[in-house]
Amino acid sequence: MRVDDPAYGAGSTDVRLATGLSKRETEVMDLIATGHSNGEIAQRLFLSEKTVKNHVNRIYAKLGVDCRGTAIGLWRSLTPGEKPV
């Protein structure tokens, strides 16, 4: 099973389906929304910072936003029960 398979990680399936994000993109966006930098995300997920930047760019495109702040605001509106940092 691939990590971007819709059956993988059912807990965030609703948000992923609504946004079209893959499992990894959802993980990255969750970390962005909690205030982590690209470098911190790279270390935490064992990725290169360039890979994280690629994920961030795809996330922005899929969410239809052009900056981190707008992406965070939209993400928080889509994830009920999340507390603002």
PDB file of N, CA and C in Angstrom:
ATOM      1  N   MET A   1       0.843  -1.185   0.000  1.00  0.00           N
ATOM      2  CA  MET A   1       0.000   0.000   0.000  1.00  0.00           C
ATOM      3  C   MET A   1       0.885   1.243   0.000  1.00  0.00           C
ATOM      4  N   ARG A   2       0.583   2.185  -0.842  1.00  0.00           N
ATOM      5  CA  ARG A   2       1.337   3.432  -0.919  1.00  0.00           C
ATOM      6  C   ARG A   2       0.817   4.415   0.110  1.00  0.00           C
ATOM      7  N   VAL A   3       1.687   5.348   0.550  1.00  0.00           N
ATOM      8  CA  VAL A   3       1.254   6.323   1.549  1.00  0.00           C
ATOM      9  C   VAL A   3       0.236   7.308   0.993  1.00  0.00           C
ATOM     10  N   ASP A   4       0.153   7.453  -0.323  1.00  0.00           N
ATOM     11  CA  ASP A   4      -0.851   8.353  -0.877  1.00  0.00           C
ATOM     12  C   ASP A   4      -2.126   7.621  -1.308  1.00  0.00           C
ATOM     13  N   ASP A   5      -2.211   6.348  -0.942  1.00  0.00           N
ATOM     14  CA  ASP A   5      -3.415   5.558  -1.195  1.00  0.00           C
ATOM     15  C   ASP A   5      -4.538   6.086  -0.301  1.00  0.00           C
ATOM     16  N   PRO A   6      -5.732   6.368  -0.833  1.00  0.00           N
ATOM     17  CA  PRO A   6      -6.821   6.904  -0.023  1.00  0.00           C
ATOM     18  C   PRO A   6      -7.193   6.030   1.175  1.00  0.00           C
ATOM     19  N   ALA A   7      -6.922   4.729   1.110  1.00  0.00           N
ATOM     20  CA  ALA A   7      -7.271   3.856   2.228  1.00  0.00           C
ATOM     21  C   ALA A   7      -6.265   3.962   3.375  1.00  0.00           C
ATOM     22  N   TYR A   8      -5.138   4.585   3.117  1.00  0.00           N
ATOM     23  CA  TYR A   8      -4.084   4.715   4.121  1.00  0.00           C
ATOM     24  C   TYR A   8      -4.359   5.934   4.999  1.00  0.00           C
ATOM     25  N   GLY A   9      -4.363   5.768   6.314  1.00  0.00           N
ATOM     26  CA  GLY A   9      -4.567   6.897   7.218  1.00  0.00           C
ATOM     27  C   GLY A   9      -5.978   7.425   7.185  1.00  0.00           C
ATOM     28  N   ALA A  10      -6.941   6.606   7.495  1.00  0.00           N
ATOM     29  CA  ALA A  10      -8.355   6.967   7.378  1.00  0.00           C
ATOM     30  C   ALA A  10      -8.756   8.145   8.250  1.00  0.00           C
ATOM     31  N   GLY A  11      -7.997   8.471   9.285  1.00  0.00           N
ATOM     32  CA  GLY A  11      -8.359   9.560  10.188  1.00  0.00           C
ATOM     33  C   GLY A  11      -8.463  10.909   9.501  1.00  0.00           C
ATOM     34  N   SER A  12      -7.655  11.132   8.496  1.00  0.00           N
ATOM     35  CA  SER A  12      -7.673  12.420   7.816  1.00  0.00           C
ATOM     36  C   SER A  12      -8.269  12.318   6.418  1.00  0.00           C
ATOM     37  N   THR A  13      -8.989  11.251   6.154  1.00  0.00           N
ATOM     38  CA  THR A  13      -9.520  11.004   4.818  1.00  0.00           C
ATOM     39  C   THR A  13     -10.457  12.116   4.362  1.00  0.00           C
ATOM     40  N   ASP A  14     -11.342  12.603   5.229  1.00  0.00           N
ATOM     41  CA  ASP A  14     -12.298  13.628   4.827  1.00  0.00           C
ATOM     42  C   ASP A  14     -11.600  14.887   4.334  1.00  0.00           C
ATOM     43  N   VAL A  15     -10.608  15.363   5.073  1.00  0.00           N
ATOM     44  CA  VAL A  15      -9.883  16.567   4.679  1.00  0.00           C
ATOM     45  C   VAL A  15      -9.103  16.299   3.400  1.00  0.00           C
ATOM     46  N   ARG A  16      -8.468  15.124   3.302  1.00  0.00           N
ATOM     47  CA  ARG A  16      -7.695  14.797   2.105  1.00  0.00           C
ATOM     48  C   ARG A  16      -8.585  14.730   0.881  1.00  0.00           C
ATOM     49  N   LEU A  17      -9.763  14.138   1.019  1.00  0.00           N
ATOM     50  CA  LEU A  17     -10.684  14.055  -0.117  1.00  0.00           C
ATOM     51  C   LEU A  17     -11.181  15.433  -0.516  1.00  0.00           C
ATOM     52  N   ALA A  18     -11.460  16.272   0.473  1.00  0.00           N
ATOM     53  CA  ALA A  18     -11.968  17.613   0.192  1.00  0.00           C
ATOM     54  C   ALA A  18     -10.926  18.488  -0.500  1.00  0.00           C
ATOM     55  N   THR A  19      -9.654  18.272  -0.193  1.00  0.00           N
ATOM     56  CA  THR A  19      -8.596  19.118  -0.734  1.00  0.00           C
ATOM     57  C   THR A  19      -7.810  18.484  -1.871  1.00  0.00           C
ATOM     58  N   GLY A  20      -7.886  17.168  -2.007  1.00  0.00           N
ATOM     59  CA  GLY A  20      -7.113  16.474  -3.020  1.00  0.00           C
ATOM     60  C   GLY A  20      -5.667  16.254  -2.633  1.00  0.00           C
ATOM     61  N   LEU A  21      -5.331  16.457  -1.360  1.00  0.00           N
ATOM     62  CA  LEU A  21      -3.955  16.271  -0.907  1.00  0.00           C
ATOM     63  C   LEU A  21      -3.644  14.798  -0.690  1.00  0.00           C
ATOM     64  N   SER A  22      -2.403  14.426  -0.960  1.00  0.00           N
ATOM     65  CA  SER A  22      -1.943  13.071  -0.668  1.00  0.00           C
ATOM     66  C   SER A  22      -1.716  12.934   0.839  1.00  0.00           C
ATOM     67  N   LYS A  23      -1.475  11.704   1.276  1.00  0.00           N
ATOM     68  CA  LYS A  23      -1.186  11.456   2.687  1.00  0.00           C
ATOM     69  C   LYS A  23       0.022  12.278   3.140  1.00  0.00           C
ATOM     70  N   ARG A  24       1.096  12.274   2.359  1.00  0.00           N
ATOM     71  CA  ARG A  24       2.313  13.015   2.731  1.00  0.00           C
ATOM     72  C   ARG A  24       2.052  14.513   2.736  1.00  0.00           C
ATOM     73  N   GLU A  25       1.311  14.997   1.743  1.00  0.00           N
ATOM     74  CA  GLU A  25       0.980  16.429   1.711  1.00  0.00           C
ATOM     75  C   GLU A  25       0.152  16.818   2.912  1.00  0.00           C
ATOM     76  N   THR A  26      -0.743  15.941   3.352  1.00  0.00           N
ATOM     77  CA  THR A  26      -1.545  16.195   4.549  1.00  0.00           C
ATOM     78  C   THR A  26      -0.648  16.276   5.776  1.00  0.00           C
ATOM     79  N   GLU A  27       0.321  15.374   5.869  1.00  0.00           N
ATOM     80  CA  GLU A  27       1.272  15.417   6.989  1.00  0.00           C
ATOM     81  C   GLU A  27       2.048  16.733   6.990  1.00  0.00           C
ATOM     82  N   VAL A  28       2.516  17.134   5.822  1.00  0.00           N
ATOM     83  CA  VAL A  28       3.266  18.383   5.706  1.00  0.00           C
ATOM     84  C   VAL A  28       2.381  19.561   6.085  1.00  0.00           C
ATOM     85  N   MET A  29       1.147  19.588   5.596  1.00  0.00           N
ATOM     86  CA  MET A  29       0.253  20.702   5.897  1.00  0.00           C
ATOM     87  C   MET A  29      -0.091  20.759   7.375  1.00  0.00           C
ATOM     88  N   ASP A  30      -0.268  19.615   8.015  1.00  0.00           N
ATOM     89  CA  ASP A  30      -0.503  19.595   9.463  1.00  0.00           C
ATOM     90  C   ASP A  30       0.666  20.240  10.200  1.00  0.00           C
ATOM     91  N   LEU A  31       1.883  19.946   9.768  1.00  0.00           N
ATOM     92  CA  LEU A  31       3.063  20.528  10.413  1.00  0.00           C
ATOM     93  C   LEU A  31       3.195  22.022  10.115  1.00  0.00           C
ATOM     94  N   ILE A  32       2.865  22.424   8.905  1.00  0.00           N
ATOM     95  CA  ILE A  32       2.859  23.850   8.570  1.00  0.00           C
ATOM     96  C   ILE A  32       1.877  24.585   9.472  1.00  0.00           C
ATOM     97  N   ALA A  33       0.689  24.003   9.634  1.00  0.00           N
ATOM     98  CA  ALA A  33      -0.367  24.647  10.423  1.00  0.00           C
ATOM     99  C   ALA A  33      -0.015  24.754  11.903  1.00  0.00           C
ATOM    100  N   THR A  34       0.920  23.937  12.353  1.00  0.00           N
ATOM    101  CA  THR A  34       1.338  24.026  13.758  1.00  0.00           C
ATOM    102  C   THR A  34       2.615  24.852  13.912  1.00  0.00           C
ATOM    103  N   GLY A  35       3.003  25.558  12.847  1.00  0.00           N
ATOM    104  CA  GLY A  35       4.085  26.517  12.946  1.00  0.00           C
ATOM    105  C   GLY A  35       5.481  26.020  12.635  1.00  0.00           C
ATOM    106  N   HIS A  36       5.606  24.847  12.073  1.00  0.00           N
ATOM    107  CA  HIS A  36       6.929  24.312  11.749  1.00  0.00           C
ATOM    108  C   HIS A  36       7.469  24.924  10.456  1.00  0.00           C
ATOM    109  N   SER A  37       8.769  25.158  10.424  1.00  0.00           N
ATOM    110  CA  SER A  37       9.433  25.655   9.214  1.00  0.00           C
ATOM    111  C   SER A  37       9.687  24.486   8.265  1.00  0.00           C
ATOM    112  N   ASN A  38      10.052  24.807   7.020  1.00  0.00           N
ATOM    113  CA  ASN A  38      10.371  23.752   6.060  1.00  0.00           C
ATOM    114  C   ASN A  38      11.522  22.888   6.561  1.00  0.00           C
ATOM    115  N   GLY A  39      12.525  23.499   7.150  1.00  0.00           N
ATOM    116  CA  GLY A  39      13.658  22.746   7.678  1.00  0.00           C
ATOM    117  C   GLY A  39      13.251  21.801   8.803  1.00  0.00           C
ATOM    118  N   GLU A  40      12.388  22.278   9.688  1.00  0.00           N
ATOM    119  CA  GLU A  40      11.903  21.430  10.787  1.00  0.00           C
ATOM    120  C   GLU A  40      11.072  20.272  10.254  1.00  0.00           C
ATOM    121  N   ILE A  41      10.241  20.557   9.252  1.00  0.00           N
ATOM    122  CA  ILE A  41       9.422  19.508   8.642  1.00  0.00           C
ATOM    123  C   ILE A  41      10.320  18.463   7.988  1.00  0.00           C
ATOM    124  N   ALA A  42      11.352  18.919   7.296  1.00  0.00           N
ATOM    125  CA  ALA A  42      12.285  18.002   6.636  1.00  0.00           C
ATOM    126  C   ALA A  42      12.930  17.068   7.655  1.00  0.00           C
ATOM    127  N   GLN A  43      13.389  17.611   8.766  1.00  0.00           N
ATOM    128  CA  GLN A  43      14.014  16.779   9.797  1.00  0.00           C
ATOM    129  C   GLN A  43      13.010  15.798  10.392  1.00  0.00           C
ATOM    130  N   ARG A  44      11.841  16.275  10.676  1.00  0.00           N
ATOM    131  CA  ARG A  44      10.830  15.433  11.330  1.00  0.00           C
ATOM    132  C   ARG A  44      10.365  14.286  10.441  1.00  0.00           C
ATOM    133  N   LEU A  45      10.240  14.542   9.130  1.00  0.00           N
ATOM    134  CA  LEU A  45       9.732  13.526   8.207  1.00  0.00           C
ATOM    135  C   LEU A  45      10.850  12.802   7.452  1.00  0.00           C
ATOM    136  N   PHE A  46      12.103  13.095   7.801  1.00  0.00           N
ATOM    137  CA  PHE A  46      13.261  12.459   7.161  1.00  0.00           C
ATOM    138  C   PHE A  46      13.261  12.690   5.649  1.00  0.00           C
ATOM    139  N   LEU A  47      13.073  13.954   5.267  1.00  0.00           N
ATOM    140  CA  LEU A  47      13.074  14.366   3.872  1.00  0.00           C
ATOM    141  C   LEU A  47      14.115  15.456   3.682  1.00  0.00           C
ATOM    142  N   SER A  48      14.475  15.716   2.436  1.00  0.00           N
ATOM    143  CA  SER A  48      15.328  16.879   2.180  1.00  0.00           C
ATOM    144  C   SER A  48      14.444  18.127   2.215  1.00  0.00           C
ATOM    145  N   GLU A  49      15.069  19.262   2.478  1.00  0.00           N
ATOM    146  CA  GLU A  49      14.301  20.508   2.507  1.00  0.00           C
ATOM    147  C   GLU A  49      13.718  20.817   1.125  1.00  0.00           C
ATOM    148  N   LYS A  50      14.423  20.447   0.067  1.00  0.00           N
ATOM    149  CA  LYS A  50      13.919  20.652  -1.300  1.00  0.00           C
ATOM    150  C   LYS A  50      12.640  19.838  -1.531  1.00  0.00           C
ATOM    151  N   THR A  51      12.596  18.617  -1.024  1.00  0.00           N
ATOM    152  CA  THR A  51      11.391  17.790  -1.146  1.00  0.00           C
ATOM    153  C   THR A  51      10.227  18.442  -0.416  1.00  0.00           C
ATOM    154  N   VAL A  52      10.496  18.976   0.763  1.00  0.00           N
ATOM    155  CA  VAL A  52       9.438  19.667   1.518  1.00  0.00           C
ATOM    156  C   VAL A  52       8.942  20.874   0.722  1.00  0.00           C
ATOM    157  N   LYS A  53       9.862  21.641   0.135  1.00  0.00           N
ATOM    158  CA  LYS A  53       9.458  22.800  -0.669  1.00  0.00           C
ATOM    159  C   LYS A  53       8.580  22.368  -1.843  1.00  0.00           C
ATOM    160  N   ASN A  54       8.925  21.231  -2.459  1.00  0.00           N
ATOM    161  CA  ASN A  54       8.088  20.710  -3.552  1.00  0.00           C
ATOM    162  C   ASN A  54       6.694  20.360  -3.046  1.00  0.00           C
ATOM    163  N   HIS A  55       6.613  19.716  -1.877  1.00  0.00           N
ATOM    164  CA  HIS A  55       5.306  19.387  -1.291  1.00  0.00           C
ATOM    165  C   HIS A  55       4.521  20.668  -1.008  1.00  0.00           C
ATOM    166  N   VAL A  56       5.189  21.663  -0.448  1.00  0.00           N
ATOM    167  CA  VAL A  56       4.517  22.926  -0.115  1.00  0.00           C
ATOM    168  C   VAL A  56       3.961  23.572  -1.380  1.00  0.00           C
ATOM    169  N   ASN A  57       4.730  23.594  -2.439  1.00  0.00           N
ATOM    170  CA  ASN A  57       4.241  24.181  -3.695  1.00  0.00           C
ATOM    171  C   ASN A  57       3.031  23.437  -4.245  1.00  0.00           C
ATOM    172  N   ARG A  58       3.047  22.108  -4.167  1.00  0.00           N
ATOM    173  CA  ARG A  58       1.883  21.325  -4.624  1.00  0.00           C
ATOM    174  C   ARG A  58       0.672  21.575  -3.727  1.00  0.00           C
ATOM    175  N   ILE A  59       0.905  21.692  -2.425  1.00  0.00           N
ATOM    176  CA  ILE A  59      -0.181  21.992  -1.480  1.00  0.00           C
ATOM    177  C   ILE A  59      -0.822  23.329  -1.831  1.00  0.00           C
ATOM    178  N   TYR A  60       0.003  24.360  -2.039  1.00  0.00           N
ATOM    179  CA  TYR A  60      -0.524  25.676  -2.402  1.00  0.00           C
ATOM    180  C   TYR A  60      -1.377  25.592  -3.659  1.00  0.00           C
ATOM    181  N   ALA A  61      -0.891  24.867  -4.662  1.00  0.00           N
ATOM    182  CA  ALA A  61      -1.636  24.734  -5.922  1.00  0.00           C
ATOM    183  C   ALA A  61      -2.971  24.035  -5.692  1.00  0.00           C
ATOM    184  N   LYS A  62      -2.960  22.964  -4.926  1.00  0.00           N
ATOM    185  CA  LYS A  62      -4.193  22.209  -4.686  1.00  0.00           C
ATOM    186  C   LYS A  62      -5.188  22.986  -3.836  1.00  0.00           C
ATOM    187  N   LEU A  63      -4.684  23.789  -2.893  1.00  0.00           N
ATOM    188  CA  LEU A  63      -5.575  24.587  -2.044  1.00  0.00           C
ATOM    189  C   LEU A  63      -5.975  25.901  -2.706  1.00  0.00           C
ATOM    190  N   GLY A  64      -5.292  26.262  -3.783  1.00  0.00           N
ATOM    191  CA  GLY A  64      -5.591  27.510  -4.484  1.00  0.00           C
ATOM    192  C   GLY A  64      -5.146  28.736  -3.710  1.00  0.00           C
ATOM    193  N   VAL A  65      -4.013  28.624  -3.014  1.00  0.00           N
ATOM    194  CA  VAL A  65      -3.478  29.742  -2.235  1.00  0.00           C
ATOM    195  C   VAL A  65      -2.078  30.070  -2.731  1.00  0.00           C
ATOM    196  N   ASP A  66      -1.564  31.223  -2.291  1.00  0.00           N
ATOM    197  CA  ASP A  66      -0.228  31.603  -2.735  1.00  0.00           C
ATOM    198  C   ASP A  66       0.723  31.952  -1.602  1.00  0.00           C
ATOM    199  N   CYS A  67       0.296  31.724  -0.357  1.00  0.00           N
ATOM    200  CA  CYS A  67       1.205  31.979   0.760  1.00  0.00           C
ATOM    201  C   CYS A  67       0.859  31.084   1.947  1.00  0.00           C
ATOM    202  N   ARG A  68       1.826  30.958   2.846  1.00  0.00           N
ATOM    203  CA  ARG A  68       1.713  30.082   4.005  1.00  0.00           C
ATOM    204  C   ARG A  68       0.557  30.497   4.917  1.00  0.00           C
ATOM    205  N   GLY A  69       0.423  31.780   5.171  1.00  0.00           N
ATOM    206  CA  GLY A  69      -0.639  32.267   6.062  1.00  0.00           C
ATOM    207  C   GLY A  69      -2.031  31.927   5.559  1.00  0.00           C
ATOM    208  N   THR A  70      -2.253  32.108   4.267  1.00  0.00           N
ATOM    209  CA  THR A  70      -3.551  31.786   3.678  1.00  0.00           C
ATOM    210  C   THR A  70      -3.801  30.282   3.732  1.00  0.00           C
ATOM    211  N   ALA A  71      -2.756  29.500   3.472  1.00  0.00           N
ATOM    212  CA  ALA A  71      -2.891  28.040   3.533  1.00  0.00           C
ATOM    213  C   ALA A  71      -3.259  27.591   4.947  1.00  0.00           C
ATOM    214  N   ILE A  72      -2.608  28.186   5.949  1.00  0.00           N
ATOM    215  CA  ILE A  72      -2.895  27.831   7.346  1.00  0.00           C
ATOM    216  C   ILE A  72      -4.330  28.197   7.700  1.00  0.00           C
ATOM    217  N   GLY A  73      -4.774  29.381   7.309  1.00  0.00           N
ATOM    218  CA  GLY A  73      -6.144  29.792   7.598  1.00  0.00           C
ATOM    219  C   GLY A  73      -7.164  28.865   6.974  1.00  0.00           C
ATOM    220  N   LEU A  74      -6.949  28.503   5.730  1.00  0.00           N
ATOM    221  CA  LEU A  74      -7.858  27.589   5.048  1.00  0.00           C
ATOM    222  C   LEU A  74      -7.827  26.218   5.710  1.00  0.00           C
ATOM    223  N   TRP A  75      -6.633  25.722   6.030  1.00  0.00           N
ATOM    224  CA  TRP A  75      -6.475  24.407   6.648  1.00  0.00           C
ATOM    225  C   TRP A  75      -7.212  24.343   7.978  1.00  0.00           C
ATOM    226  N   ARG A  76      -7.075  25.388   8.782  1.00  0.00           N
ATOM    227  CA  ARG A  76      -7.755  25.410  10.088  1.00  0.00           C
ATOM    228  C   ARG A  76      -9.270  25.432   9.921  1.00  0.00           C
ATOM    229  N   SER A  77      -9.752  26.051   8.858  1.00  0.00           N
ATOM    230  CA  SER A  77     -11.204  26.065   8.626  1.00  0.00           C
ATOM    231  C   SER A  77     -11.710  24.703   8.174  1.00  0.00           C
ATOM    232  N   LEU A  78     -10.815  23.886   7.596  1.00  0.00           N
ATOM    233  CA  LEU A  78     -11.187  22.558   7.106  1.00  0.00           C
ATOM    234  C   LEU A  78     -10.995  21.458   8.141  1.00  0.00           C
ATOM    235  N   THR A  79     -10.265  21.734   9.213  1.00  0.00           N
ATOM    236  CA  THR A  79      -9.956  20.717  10.223  1.00  0.00           C
ATOM    237  C   THR A  79     -10.594  21.098  11.542  1.00  0.00           C
ATOM    238  N   PRO A  80     -11.864  20.742  11.735  1.00  0.00           N
ATOM    239  CA  PRO A  80     -12.557  21.093  12.970  1.00  0.00           C
ATOM    240  C   PRO A  80     -11.894  20.455  14.174  1.00  0.00           C
ATOM    241  N   GLY A  81     -11.938  21.164  15.295  1.00  0.00           N
ATOM    242  CA  GLY A  81     -11.366  20.653  16.524  1.00  0.00           C
ATOM    243  C   GLY A  81      -9.902  21.016  16.704  1.00  0.00           C
ATOM    244  N   GLU A  82      -9.282  21.558  15.684  1.00  0.00           N
ATOM    245  CA  GLU A  82      -7.882  21.986  15.801  1.00  0.00           C
ATOM    246  C   GLU A  82      -7.849  23.328  16.506  1.00  0.00           C
ATOM    247  N   LYS A  83      -6.912  23.474  17.396  1.00  0.00           N
ATOM    248  CA  LYS A  83      -6.755  24.714  18.144  1.00  0.00           C
ATOM    249  C   LYS A  83      -5.696  25.585  17.472  1.00  0.00           C
ATOM    250  N   PRO A  84      -5.963  26.890  17.312  1.00  0.00           N
ATOM    251  CA  PRO A  84      -4.942  27.769  16.757  1.00  0.00           C
ATOM    252  C   PRO A  84      -3.723  27.810  17.672  1.00  0.00           C
ATOM    253  N   VAL A  85      -2.542  27.929  17.075  1.00  0.00           N
ATOM    254  CA  VAL A  85      -1.298  27.966  17.848  1.00  0.00           C
ATOM    255  C   VAL A  85      -1.045  29.358  18.347  1.00  0.00           C
TER     256      VAL A  85
END
